[in-house]
Amino acid sequence: MTTDDPSFSPPSFVPFERLCLIGLGLIGSSLGHATRRAGAAREIIGVDRHQPNGQKALEIGFIDTLAPDLETAVTGADLVILATPVGAFDAIGKAIGPHLSPGAIVSDVGSVKGVALDVLTPHLPAHIHLLPAHPVAGTENSGPEAGFASLFDGRWSILTPPEGSDPDALSRLTAFWEQLGATVEIMTAAHHDLVLAITSHIPHLIAYNIVGTAADLETVTKSEVIKFSAGGFRDFTRIAASDPDMWRDIFLSNKDAVLEMLGRFSEDLSVLQRAIRDGDGATLHDLFSRTRAIRREIIEAGQDAAAADFGRRPPSRADDSKF
């Protein structure tokens, strides 16, 4: 569901009283902006281990209060969202567990869901609802100034509730994401991690690798790799500019699924290598035709636009000031 009118609110939706955002980078700040726009929470509390990020969040205005520590931040919150690298989840869960209010929903925005359940569950009391989430949205930028309210519009937010989750809590978190403009899909954590390994994690790994290879070649070619960077390589550099802390944690946390998909990718790459060596144009043409059709399906599904955008213009944020 996409909401063009920032004041739109389905009659059944009841705003959360206090939203606590742990981590105020791109996703955390976008959550703050989008929540403001939708009126999805009456109060937004923020906390970030980097004090300058917290102060900037207050200055920008997507949080109401900056908490001095995790324990204070979650006290009284009925929705807590972890927007930090997954490697920090263990320490965060241990710190916030004893201070969570009965009935509170604890969620996250991490790209790996199995680890969210495994790491957080032991630290959280039985009277709260742990409902991991993953908004499939983002940019290569980071920090509190990078966020914008429309980041989740028309994007998927995948929820991976553990078995036996409270249906009312799940329904409420679903409605929250829909208020923020996202379309919600529910699946198991294991299935999510396998799907995201091929659609997100492996592409990032390839981007990091090819840009690293080009950086090594640049010293040989006297900067010509950078000087004559064409569209394909340029797009790889955009992906490879993503937050290194976050992606380090993603690969280590989802290593089984990533290694499985990487093995499949390596096998397929060997087929292409053999086709080029043997002059097998038919095999190459068949693959390129199938992948071109996939690109068209992505456009038809509304996950990208067909218009050329060689300058990679940033999204319009004209509506993001309408809180």
C-alpha atoms as a PDB file:
ATOM      1  CA  MET A   1       0.000   0.000   0.000  1.00  0.00           C
ATOM      2  CA  THR A   2       1.334   3.413  -0.925  1.00  0.00           C
ATOM      3  CA  THR A   3      -0.028   6.515   0.772  1.00  0.00           C
ATOM      4  CA  ASP A   4       0.292   9.732  -1.223  1.00  0.00           C
ATOM      5  CA  ASP A   5      -1.562  11.744   1.418  1.00  0.00           C
ATOM      6  CA  PRO A   6       0.639  12.023   4.545  1.00  0.00           C
ATOM      7  CA  SER A   7      -2.450  12.458   6.723  1.00  0.00           C
ATOM      8  CA  PHE A   8      -4.051   9.221   5.518  1.00  0.00           C
ATOM      9  CA  SER A   9      -4.776   6.697   8.262  1.00  0.00           C
ATOM     10  CA  PRO A  10      -7.014   3.624   8.037  1.00  0.00           C
ATOM     11  CA  PRO A  11      -9.728   3.762  10.713  1.00  0.00           C
ATOM     12  CA  SER A  12      -8.518   0.493  12.261  1.00  0.00           C
ATOM     13  CA  PHE A  13      -4.969   1.676  12.871  1.00  0.00           C
ATOM     14  CA  VAL A  14      -4.122   2.807  16.401  1.00  0.00           C
ATOM     15  CA  PRO A  15      -0.793   4.677  16.644  1.00  0.00           C
ATOM     16  CA  PHE A  16       1.829   3.339  19.015  1.00  0.00           C
ATOM     17  CA  GLU A  17       2.225   5.455  22.118  1.00  0.00           C
ATOM     18  CA  ARG A  18       6.017   5.380  22.201  1.00  0.00           C
ATOM     19  CA  LEU A  19       8.322   4.179  19.431  1.00  0.00           C
ATOM     20  CA  CYS A  20      11.943   3.576  20.402  1.00  0.00           C
ATOM     21  CA  LEU A  21      14.494   3.640  17.579  1.00  0.00           C
ATOM     22  CA  ILE A  22      17.822   2.034  18.433  1.00  0.00           C
ATOM     23  CA  GLY A  23      20.237   3.240  15.780  1.00  0.00           C
ATOM     24  CA  LEU A  24      19.714   6.503  13.902  1.00  0.00           C
ATOM     25  CA  GLY A  25      21.395   5.868  10.562  1.00  0.00           C
ATOM     26  CA  LEU A  26      19.730   5.625   7.144  1.00  0.00           C
ATOM     27  CA  ILE A  27      16.980   3.176   8.118  1.00  0.00           C
ATOM     28  CA  GLY A  28      16.473   4.488  11.644  1.00  0.00           C
ATOM     29  CA  SER A  29      16.178   8.077  10.452  1.00  0.00           C
ATOM     30  CA  SER A  30      13.873   7.069   7.581  1.00  0.00           C
ATOM     31  CA  LEU A  31      11.697   5.228  10.105  1.00  0.00           C
ATOM     32  CA  GLY A  32      11.499   8.406  12.151  1.00  0.00           C
ATOM     33  CA  HIS A  33      10.563  10.549   9.156  1.00  0.00           C
ATOM     34  CA  ALA A  34       8.031   8.017   7.842  1.00  0.00           C
ATOM     35  CA  THR A  35       6.458   7.538  11.280  1.00  0.00           C
ATOM     36  CA  ARG A  36       6.079  11.306  11.629  1.00  0.00           C
ATOM     37  CA  ARG A  37       4.500  11.572   8.187  1.00  0.00           C
ATOM     38  CA  ALA A  38       2.015   8.778   8.890  1.00  0.00           C
ATOM     39  CA  GLY A  39       1.265   9.692  12.507  1.00  0.00           C
ATOM     40  CA  ALA A  40       2.109   6.073  13.355  1.00  0.00           C
ATOM     41  CA  ALA A  41       3.449   6.873  16.850  1.00  0.00           C
ATOM     42  CA  ARG A  42       2.625   9.620  19.321  1.00  0.00           C
ATOM     43  CA  GLU A  43       6.212   9.885  20.589  1.00  0.00           C
ATOM     44  CA  ILE A  44       9.565   8.834  19.094  1.00  0.00           C
ATOM     45  CA  ILE A  45      12.537   8.121  21.334  1.00  0.00           C
ATOM     46  CA  GLY A  46      15.969   7.683  19.774  1.00  0.00           C
ATOM     47  CA  VAL A  47      19.279   6.311  20.963  1.00  0.00           C
ATOM     48  CA  ASP A  48      22.573   5.821  19.146  1.00  0.00           C
ATOM     49  CA  ARG A  49      25.972   4.743  20.412  1.00  0.00           C
ATOM     50  CA  HIS A  50      27.496   7.619  18.429  1.00  0.00           C
ATOM     51  CA  GLN A  51      26.467  10.749  20.326  1.00  0.00           C
ATOM     52  CA  PRO A  52      26.823  13.069  17.291  1.00  0.00           C
ATOM     53  CA  ASN A  53      24.234  10.947  15.440  1.00  0.00           C
ATOM     54  CA  GLY A  54      21.766  11.438  18.270  1.00  0.00           C
ATOM     55  CA  GLN A  55      22.316  15.179  18.401  1.00  0.00           C
ATOM     56  CA  LYS A  56      21.892  15.429  14.635  1.00  0.00           C
ATOM     57  CA  ALA A  57      18.640  13.409  14.868  1.00  0.00           C
ATOM     58  CA  LEU A  58      17.290  15.912  17.391  1.00  0.00           C
ATOM     59  CA  GLU A  59      18.368  18.807  15.205  1.00  0.00           C
ATOM     60  CA  ILE A  60      16.695  17.331  12.120  1.00  0.00           C
ATOM     61  CA  GLY A  61      13.598  16.562  14.170  1.00  0.00           C
ATOM     62  CA  PHE A  62      12.670  12.977  13.357  1.00  0.00           C
ATOM     63  CA  ILE A  63      12.849  12.039  17.059  1.00  0.00           C
ATOM     64  CA  ASP A  64      11.264  13.796  20.031  1.00  0.00           C
ATOM     65  CA  THR A  65      13.748  12.756  22.682  1.00  0.00           C
ATOM     66  CA  LEU A  66      17.327  11.491  22.664  1.00  0.00           C
ATOM     67  CA  ALA A  67      17.846   8.888  25.388  1.00  0.00           C
ATOM     68  CA  PRO A  68      21.199   8.726  27.199  1.00  0.00           C
ATOM     69  CA  ASP A  69      21.329   4.924  27.143  1.00  0.00           C
ATOM     70  CA  LEU A  70      19.518   1.815  25.956  1.00  0.00           C
ATOM     71  CA  GLU A  71      17.822   1.128  29.268  1.00  0.00           C
ATOM     72  CA  THR A  72      16.231   4.582  29.397  1.00  0.00           C
ATOM     73  CA  ALA A  73      15.331   4.472  25.711  1.00  0.00           C
ATOM     74  CA  VAL A  74      13.157   1.346  25.895  1.00  0.00           C
ATOM     75  CA  THR A  75      11.452   2.147  29.195  1.00  0.00           C
ATOM     76  CA  GLY A  76       7.749   2.658  28.514  1.00  0.00           C
ATOM     77  CA  ALA A  77       8.036   1.960  24.770  1.00  0.00           C
ATOM     78  CA  ASP A  78       5.337  -0.211  23.200  1.00  0.00           C
ATOM     79  CA  LEU A  79       7.350  -0.624  19.965  1.00  0.00           C
ATOM     80  CA  VAL A  80      11.142  -1.024  19.920  1.00  0.00           C
ATOM     81  CA  ILE A  81      12.974  -1.298  16.598  1.00  0.00           C
ATOM     82  CA  LEU A  82      16.650  -2.201  16.325  1.00  0.00           C
ATOM     83  CA  ALA A  83      18.161  -0.342  13.359  1.00  0.00           C
ATOM     84  CA  THR A  84      21.788  -1.292  13.962  1.00  0.00           C
ATOM     85  CA  PRO A  85      24.159  -3.805  12.354  1.00  0.00           C
ATOM     86  CA  VAL A  86      23.122  -7.335  13.366  1.00  0.00           C
ATOM     87  CA  GLY A  87      26.452  -7.821  15.116  1.00  0.00           C
ATOM     88  CA  ALA A  88      25.245  -5.482  17.865  1.00  0.00           C
ATOM     89  CA  PHE A  89      22.030  -7.421  18.575  1.00  0.00           C
ATOM     90  CA  ASP A  90      23.434  -9.614  21.333  1.00  0.00           C
ATOM     91  CA  ALA A  91      24.676  -6.707  23.453  1.00  0.00           C
ATOM     92  CA  ILE A  92      21.516  -4.696  22.791  1.00  0.00           C
ATOM     93  CA  GLY A  93      19.212  -7.577  23.691  1.00  0.00           C
ATOM     94  CA  LYS A  94      21.084  -8.163  26.929  1.00  0.00           C
ATOM     95  CA  ALA A  95      20.843  -4.479  27.874  1.00  0.00           C
ATOM     96  CA  ILE A  96      17.183  -3.881  27.063  1.00  0.00           C
ATOM     97  CA  GLY A  97      15.612  -7.176  28.155  1.00  0.00           C
ATOM     98  CA  PRO A  98      14.985  -6.320  31.824  1.00  0.00           C
ATOM     99  CA  HIS A  99      13.573  -2.874  30.985  1.00  0.00           C
ATOM    100  CA  LEU A 100      10.945  -3.760  28.385  1.00  0.00           C
ATOM    101  CA  SER A 101       7.289  -3.082  29.169  1.00  0.00           C
ATOM    102  CA  PRO A 102       4.840  -6.011  29.250  1.00  0.00           C
ATOM    103  CA  GLY A 103       3.241  -6.473  25.834  1.00  0.00           C
ATOM    104  CA  ALA A 104       5.862  -4.420  23.988  1.00  0.00           C
ATOM    105  CA  ILE A 105       6.771  -5.406  20.429  1.00  0.00           C
ATOM    106  CA  VAL A 106      10.485  -5.756  19.708  1.00  0.00           C
ATOM    107  CA  SER A 107      11.457  -5.761  16.035  1.00  0.00           C
ATOM    108  CA  ASP A 108      14.405  -4.908  13.823  1.00  0.00           C
ATOM    109  CA  VAL A 109      15.291  -3.982  10.244  1.00  0.00           C
ATOM    110  CA  GLY A 110      18.198  -6.353   9.686  1.00  0.00           C
ATOM    111  CA  SER A 111      18.881  -8.166   6.429  1.00  0.00           C
ATOM    112  CA  VAL A 112      19.364 -11.518   8.206  1.00  0.00           C
ATOM    113  CA  LYS A 113      16.451 -12.865  10.201  1.00  0.00           C
ATOM    114  CA  GLY A 114      17.622 -16.194  11.594  1.00  0.00           C
ATOM    115  CA  VAL A 115      20.294 -14.503  13.685  1.00  0.00           C
ATOM    116  CA  ALA A 116      17.798 -11.942  14.993  1.00  0.00           C
ATOM    117  CA  LEU A 117      15.697 -14.724  16.478  1.00  0.00           C
ATOM    118  CA  ASP A 118      18.662 -16.770  17.711  1.00  0.00           C
ATOM    119  CA  VAL A 119      20.474 -13.871  19.362  1.00  0.00           C
ATOM    120  CA  LEU A 120      17.590 -11.845  20.784  1.00  0.00           C
ATOM    121  CA  THR A 121      15.271 -14.592  22.043  1.00  0.00           C
ATOM    122  CA  PRO A 122      17.418 -15.636  25.062  1.00  0.00           C
ATOM    123  CA  HIS A 123      17.581 -12.060  26.335  1.00  0.00           C
ATOM    124  CA  LEU A 124      13.930 -11.044  26.030  1.00  0.00           C
ATOM    125  CA  PRO A 125      11.256 -11.792  28.645  1.00  0.00           C
ATOM    126  CA  ALA A 126       8.180 -13.872  27.874  1.00  0.00           C
ATOM    127  CA  HIS A 127       5.859 -10.878  28.252  1.00  0.00           C
ATOM    128  CA  ILE A 128       7.074  -9.181  25.056  1.00  0.00           C
ATOM    129  CA  HIS A 129       6.542 -10.002  21.364  1.00  0.00           C
ATOM    130  CA  LEU A 130       9.670 -10.542  19.243  1.00  0.00           C
ATOM    131  CA  LEU A 131       8.726  -9.984  15.587  1.00  0.00           C
ATOM    132  CA  PRO A 132      11.754  -9.563  13.293  1.00  0.00           C
ATOM    133  CA  ALA A 133      11.280  -7.490  10.140  1.00  0.00           C
ATOM    134  CA  HIS A 134      13.242  -6.519   7.061  1.00  0.00           C
ATOM    135  CA  PRO A 135      12.226  -3.522   4.942  1.00  0.00           C
ATOM    136  CA  VAL A 136      13.709  -4.267   1.513  1.00  0.00           C
ATOM    137  CA  ALA A 137      14.707  -0.681   0.893  1.00  0.00           C
ATOM    138  CA  GLY A 138      17.786   1.435   1.244  1.00  0.00           C
ATOM    139  CA  THR A 139      20.473   3.478  -0.457  1.00  0.00           C
ATOM    140  CA  GLU A 140      24.256   3.410  -0.352  1.00  0.00           C
ATOM    141  CA  ASN A 141      24.215   6.434   1.981  1.00  0.00           C
ATOM    142  CA  SER A 142      24.356   6.272   5.770  1.00  0.00           C
ATOM    143  CA  GLY A 143      23.898   8.452   8.827  1.00  0.00           C
ATOM    144  CA  PRO A 144      20.947  10.412  10.257  1.00  0.00           C
ATOM    145  CA  GLU A 145      21.039  12.947   7.417  1.00  0.00           C
ATOM    146  CA  ALA A 146      20.555  10.206   4.814  1.00  0.00           C
ATOM    147  CA  GLY A 147      17.002   9.258   5.818  1.00  0.00           C
ATOM    148  CA  PHE A 148      13.780  10.329   4.129  1.00  0.00           C
ATOM    149  CA  ALA A 149      10.091   9.571   4.698  1.00  0.00           C
ATOM    150  CA  SER A 150       9.359   8.008   1.305  1.00  0.00           C
ATOM    151  CA  LEU A 151      12.079   5.338   1.527  1.00  0.00           C
ATOM    152  CA  PHE A 152       9.540   2.573   2.219  1.00  0.00           C
ATOM    153  CA  ASP A 153       6.827   3.695  -0.206  1.00  0.00           C
ATOM    154  CA  GLY A 154       5.920   0.838  -2.523  1.00  0.00           C
ATOM    155  CA  ARG A 155       8.651  -1.383  -1.057  1.00  0.00           C
ATOM    156  CA  TRP A 156       8.355  -4.759   0.620  1.00  0.00           C
ATOM    157  CA  SER A 157       8.692  -5.194   4.358  1.00  0.00           C
ATOM    158  CA  ILE A 158       9.187  -8.858   5.206  1.00  0.00           C
ATOM    159  CA  LEU A 159       8.076 -10.035   8.656  1.00  0.00           C
ATOM    160  CA  THR A 160       9.427 -13.324  10.018  1.00  0.00           C
ATOM    161  CA  PRO A 161       7.449 -14.090  13.191  1.00  0.00           C
ATOM    162  CA  PRO A 162       8.575 -17.129  15.181  1.00  0.00           C
ATOM    163  CA  GLU A 163       6.171 -20.027  15.588  1.00  0.00           C
ATOM    164  CA  GLY A 164       3.462 -19.275  18.131  1.00  0.00           C
ATOM    165  CA  SER A 165       3.638 -15.479  17.754  1.00  0.00           C
ATOM    166  CA  ASP A 166       0.690 -13.478  19.039  1.00  0.00           C
ATOM    167  CA  PRO A 167      -1.593 -12.749  16.035  1.00  0.00           C
ATOM    168  CA  ASP A 168      -2.734  -9.394  17.429  1.00  0.00           C
ATOM    169  CA  ALA A 169       0.838  -8.184  17.849  1.00  0.00           C
ATOM    170  CA  LEU A 170       1.693  -9.376  14.339  1.00  0.00           C
ATOM    171  CA  SER A 171      -1.379  -7.626  12.927  1.00  0.00           C
ATOM    172  CA  ARG A 172      -0.402  -4.399  14.663  1.00  0.00           C
ATOM    173  CA  LEU A 173       3.168  -4.462  13.362  1.00  0.00           C
ATOM    174  CA  THR A 174       1.861  -5.250   9.877  1.00  0.00           C
ATOM    175  CA  ALA A 175      -0.434  -2.223  10.042  1.00  0.00           C
ATOM    176  CA  PHE A 176       2.483  -0.068  11.216  1.00  0.00           C
ATOM    177  CA  TRP A 177       4.564  -0.929   8.151  1.00  0.00           C
ATOM    178  CA  GLU A 178       1.595  -0.404   5.883  1.00  0.00           C
ATOM    179  CA  GLN A 179       1.147   3.053   7.396  1.00  0.00           C
ATOM    180  CA  LEU A 180       4.740   3.783   6.444  1.00  0.00           C
ATOM    181  CA  GLY A 181       3.953   2.965   2.809  1.00  0.00           C
ATOM    182  CA  ALA A 182       5.298  -0.593   2.625  1.00  0.00           C
ATOM    183  CA  THR A 183       3.669  -3.792   1.415  1.00  0.00           C
ATOM    184  CA  VAL A 184       4.040  -6.579   3.960  1.00  0.00           C
ATOM    185  CA  GLU A 185       5.004 -10.191   3.242  1.00  0.00           C
ATOM    186  CA  ILE A 186       5.226 -12.856   5.951  1.00  0.00           C
ATOM    187  CA  MET A 187       7.593 -15.838   5.742  1.00  0.00           C
ATOM    188  CA  THR A 188       9.872 -17.946   7.907  1.00  0.00           C
ATOM    189  CA  ALA A 189      13.271 -16.606   8.903  1.00  0.00           C
ATOM    190  CA  ALA A 190      15.064 -19.484   7.155  1.00  0.00           C
ATOM    191  CA  HIS A 191      13.253 -18.877   3.863  1.00  0.00           C
ATOM    192  CA  HIS A 192      13.907 -15.139   4.085  1.00  0.00           C
ATOM    193  CA  ASP A 193      17.638 -15.664   4.568  1.00  0.00           C
ATOM    194  CA  LEU A 194      17.874 -17.990   1.566  1.00  0.00           C
ATOM    195  CA  VAL A 195      15.933 -15.629  -0.716  1.00  0.00           C
ATOM    196  CA  LEU A 196      17.897 -12.558   0.369  1.00  0.00           C
ATOM    197  CA  ALA A 197      21.193 -14.379  -0.052  1.00  0.00           C
ATOM    198  CA  ILE A 198      20.671 -14.469  -3.831  1.00  0.00           C
ATOM    199  CA  THR A 199      18.692 -11.241  -4.316  1.00  0.00           C
ATOM    200  CA  SER A 200      20.795  -8.985  -2.091  1.00  0.00           C
ATOM    201  CA  HIS A 201      23.772 -10.524  -0.328  1.00  0.00           C
ATOM    202  CA  ILE A 202      25.518 -12.209  -3.283  1.00  0.00           C
ATOM    203  CA  PRO A 203      25.116  -9.108  -5.523  1.00  0.00           C
ATOM    204  CA  HIS A 204      26.772  -7.020  -2.820  1.00  0.00           C
ATOM    205  CA  LEU A 205      29.585  -9.557  -2.442  1.00  0.00           C
ATOM    206  CA  ILE A 206      30.171  -9.506  -6.213  1.00  0.00           C
ATOM    207  CA  ALA A 207      30.162  -5.701  -6.209  1.00  0.00           C
ATOM    208  CA  TYR A 208      32.690  -5.496  -3.392  1.00  0.00           C
ATOM    209  CA  ASN A 209      34.896  -8.035  -5.163  1.00  0.00           C
ATOM    210  CA  ILE A 210      34.823  -6.535  -8.653  1.00  0.00           C
ATOM    211  CA  VAL A 211      35.454  -3.008  -7.381  1.00  0.00           C
ATOM    212  CA  GLY A 212      38.351  -4.346  -5.304  1.00  0.00           C
ATOM    213  CA  THR A 213      39.775  -6.076  -8.393  1.00  0.00           C
ATOM    214  CA  ALA A 214      39.426  -2.868 -10.399  1.00  0.00           C
ATOM    215  CA  ALA A 215      41.171  -0.933  -7.640  1.00  0.00           C
ATOM    216  CA  ASP A 216      44.141  -3.284  -7.971  1.00  0.00           C
ATOM    217  CA  LEU A 217      44.126  -2.889 -11.766  1.00  0.00           C
ATOM    218  CA  GLU A 218      43.927   0.879 -11.487  1.00  0.00           C
ATOM    219  CA  THR A 219      47.551   1.075 -10.397  1.00  0.00           C
ATOM    220  CA  VAL A 220      48.530  -0.814 -13.561  1.00  0.00           C
ATOM    221  CA  THR A 221      46.317   1.151 -15.952  1.00  0.00           C
ATOM    222  CA  LYS A 222      47.329   4.559 -14.562  1.00  0.00           C
ATOM    223  CA  SER A 223      43.833   5.438 -13.296  1.00  0.00           C
ATOM    224  CA  GLU A 224      42.051   4.541 -16.556  1.00  0.00           C
ATOM    225  CA  VAL A 225      39.675   2.187 -14.740  1.00  0.00           C
ATOM    226  CA  ILE A 226      38.323   5.174 -12.827  1.00  0.00           C
ATOM    227  CA  LYS A 227      38.617   7.642 -15.710  1.00  0.00           C
ATOM    228  CA  PHE A 228      36.682   5.505 -18.186  1.00  0.00           C
ATOM    229  CA  SER A 229      34.271   3.941 -15.739  1.00  0.00           C
ATOM    230  CA  ALA A 230      31.238   2.815 -17.747  1.00  0.00           C
ATOM    231  CA  GLY A 231      27.685   2.322 -16.515  1.00  0.00           C
ATOM    232  CA  GLY A 232      28.084  -1.286 -15.393  1.00  0.00           C
ATOM    233  CA  PHE A 233      31.186  -0.675 -13.285  1.00  0.00           C
ATOM    234  CA  ARG A 234      29.750   2.604 -11.976  1.00  0.00           C
ATOM    235  CA  ASP A 235      26.679   0.764 -10.674  1.00  0.00           C
ATOM    236  CA  PHE A 236      28.901  -1.773  -8.956  1.00  0.00           C
ATOM    237  CA  THR A 237      30.737   1.062  -7.181  1.00  0.00           C
ATOM    238  CA  ARG A 238      27.408   2.452  -5.966  1.00  0.00           C
ATOM    239  CA  ILE A 239      26.548  -0.877  -4.327  1.00  0.00           C
ATOM    240  CA  ALA A 240      30.088  -1.297  -3.003  1.00  0.00           C
ATOM    241  CA  ALA A 241      29.793   2.071  -1.231  1.00  0.00           C
ATOM    242  CA  SER A 242      27.313   0.564   1.264  1.00  0.00           C
ATOM    243  CA  ASP A 243      27.997   0.552   5.013  1.00  0.00           C
ATOM    244  CA  PRO A 244      30.975  -1.813   5.601  1.00  0.00           C
ATOM    245  CA  ASP A 245      30.018  -2.580   9.222  1.00  0.00           C
ATOM    246  CA  MET A 246      26.504  -3.610   8.257  1.00  0.00           C
ATOM    247  CA  TRP A 247      27.586  -5.807   5.364  1.00  0.00           C
ATOM    248  CA  ARG A 248      30.387  -7.468   7.312  1.00  0.00           C
ATOM    249  CA  ASP A 249      27.793  -8.544   9.876  1.00  0.00           C
ATOM    250  CA  ILE A 250      25.329  -9.667   7.193  1.00  0.00           C
ATOM    251  CA  PHE A 251      27.792 -12.022   5.531  1.00  0.00           C
ATOM    252  CA  LEU A 252      28.985 -13.506   8.805  1.00  0.00           C
ATOM    253  CA  SER A 253      25.438 -13.905  10.125  1.00  0.00           C
ATOM    254  CA  ASN A 254      24.009 -15.473   6.967  1.00  0.00           C
ATOM    255  CA  LYS A 255      27.081 -17.446   5.961  1.00  0.00           C
ATOM    256  CA  ASP A 256      25.338 -20.793   5.323  1.00  0.00           C
ATOM    257  CA  ALA A 257      22.827 -19.381   2.847  1.00  0.00           C
ATOM    258  CA  VAL A 258      25.431 -17.102   1.265  1.00  0.00           C
ATOM    259  CA  LEU A 259      27.898 -19.968   0.768  1.00  0.00           C
ATOM    260  CA  GLU A 260      25.151 -22.142  -0.721  1.00  0.00           C
ATOM    261  CA  MET A 261      24.167 -19.460  -3.226  1.00  0.00           C
ATOM    262  CA  LEU A 262      27.810 -18.557  -3.895  1.00  0.00           C
ATOM    263  CA  GLY A 263      28.493 -22.177  -4.815  1.00  0.00           C
ATOM    264  CA  ARG A 264      25.606 -22.143  -7.277  1.00  0.00           C
ATOM    265  CA  PHE A 265      26.831 -18.840  -8.723  1.00  0.00           C
ATOM    266  CA  SER A 266      30.354 -20.223  -9.147  1.00  0.00           C
ATOM    267  CA  GLU A 267      28.988 -23.233 -11.038  1.00  0.00           C
ATOM    268  CA  ASP A 268      26.982 -21.018 -13.378  1.00  0.00           C
ATOM    269  CA  LEU A 269      29.993 -18.740 -13.886  1.00  0.00           C
ATOM    270  CA  SER A 270      32.046 -21.764 -14.942  1.00  0.00           C
ATOM    271  CA  VAL A 271      29.435 -22.540 -17.597  1.00  0.00           C
ATOM    272  CA  LEU A 272      29.798 -19.017 -18.989  1.00  0.00           C
ATOM    273  CA  GLN A 273      33.570 -19.254 -18.897  1.00  0.00           C
ATOM    274  CA  ARG A 274      33.428 -22.480 -20.900  1.00  0.00           C
ATOM    275  CA  ALA A 275      30.959 -20.980 -23.387  1.00  0.00           C
ATOM    276  CA  ILE A 276      33.240 -18.008 -24.060  1.00  0.00           C
ATOM    277  CA  ARG A 277      36.301 -20.232 -24.398  1.00  0.00           C
ATOM    278  CA  ASP A 278      34.497 -22.585 -26.799  1.00  0.00           C
ATOM    279  CA  GLY A 279      32.861 -19.793 -28.818  1.00  0.00           C
ATOM    280  CA  ASP A 280      29.413 -21.050 -27.814  1.00  0.00           C
ATOM    281  CA  GLY A 281      27.347 -18.010 -28.760  1.00  0.00           C
ATOM    282  CA  ALA A 282      24.049 -19.865 -28.426  1.00  0.00           C
ATOM    283  CA  THR A 283      24.566 -20.486 -24.701  1.00  0.00           C
ATOM    284  CA  LEU A 284      25.489 -16.851 -24.099  1.00  0.00           C
ATOM    285  CA  HIS A 285      22.534 -15.539 -26.114  1.00  0.00           C
ATOM    286  CA  ASP A 286      20.117 -17.841 -24.285  1.00  0.00           C
ATOM    287  CA  LEU A 287      21.274 -16.641 -20.863  1.00  0.00           C
ATOM    288  CA  PHE A 288      21.263 -12.981 -21.858  1.00  0.00           C
ATOM    289  CA  SER A 289      17.737 -13.323 -23.254  1.00  0.00           C
ATOM    290  CA  ARG A 290      16.440 -14.944 -20.064  1.00  0.00           C
ATOM    291  CA  THR A 291      18.040 -12.319 -17.818  1.00  0.00           C
ATOM    292  CA  ARG A 292      16.695  -9.507 -19.983  1.00  0.00           C
ATOM    293  CA  ALA A 293      13.203 -10.912 -19.465  1.00  0.00           C
ATOM    294  CA  ILE A 294      13.766 -10.915 -15.694  1.00  0.00           C
ATOM    295  CA  ARG A 295      14.656  -7.229 -15.853  1.00  0.00           C
ATOM    296  CA  ARG A 296      11.355  -6.545 -17.594  1.00  0.00           C
ATOM    297  CA  GLU A 297       9.488  -8.485 -14.906  1.00  0.00           C
ATOM    298  CA  ILE A 298      11.142  -6.368 -12.193  1.00  0.00           C
ATOM    299  CA  ILE A 299       9.996  -3.187 -13.933  1.00  0.00           C
ATOM    300  CA  GLU A 300       6.475  -4.565 -14.414  1.00  0.00           C
ATOM    301  CA  ALA A 301       6.361  -5.453 -10.705  1.00  0.00           C
ATOM    302  CA  GLY A 302       7.091  -1.812  -9.850  1.00  0.00           C
ATOM    303  CA  GLN A 303      10.478  -2.531  -8.259  1.00  0.00           C
ATOM    304  CA  ASP A 304      12.303  -0.176 -10.630  1.00  0.00           C
ATOM    305  CA  ALA A 305      11.590   2.262 -13.448  1.00  0.00           C
ATOM    306  CA  ALA A 306      12.294   1.677 -17.118  1.00  0.00           C
ATOM    307  CA  ALA A 307      13.531   5.242 -17.667  1.00  0.00           C
ATOM    308  CA  ALA A 308      17.265   5.628 -18.144  1.00  0.00           C
ATOM    309  CA  ASP A 309      18.945   7.339 -15.211  1.00  0.00           C
ATOM    310  CA  PHE A 310      22.590   7.525 -16.099  1.00  0.00           C
ATOM    311  CA  GLY A 311      23.245  10.286 -13.584  1.00  0.00           C
ATOM    312  CA  ARG A 312      21.559   8.361 -10.760  1.00  0.00           C
ATOM    313  CA  ARG A 313      19.464  11.265  -9.586  1.00  0.00           C
ATOM    314  CA  PRO A 314      18.457  11.002  -5.902  1.00  0.00           C
ATOM    315  CA  PRO A 315      14.750  10.465  -5.128  1.00  0.00           C
ATOM    316  CA  SER A 316      12.593  13.537  -4.751  1.00  0.00           C
ATOM    317  CA  ARG A 317      12.141  14.466  -1.126  1.00  0.00           C
ATOM    318  CA  ALA A 318       9.762  17.354  -1.656  1.00  0.00           C
ATOM    319  CA  ASP A 319       7.064  15.640   0.402  1.00  0.00           C
ATOM    320  CA  ASP A 320       9.336  14.611   3.253  1.00  0.00           C
ATOM    321  CA  SER A 321       8.939  17.882   5.134  1.00  0.00           C
ATOM    322  CA  LYS A 322       5.203  17.344   5.540  1.00  0.00           C
ATOM    323  CA  PHE A 323       5.222  15.964   9.064  1.00  0.00           C
END
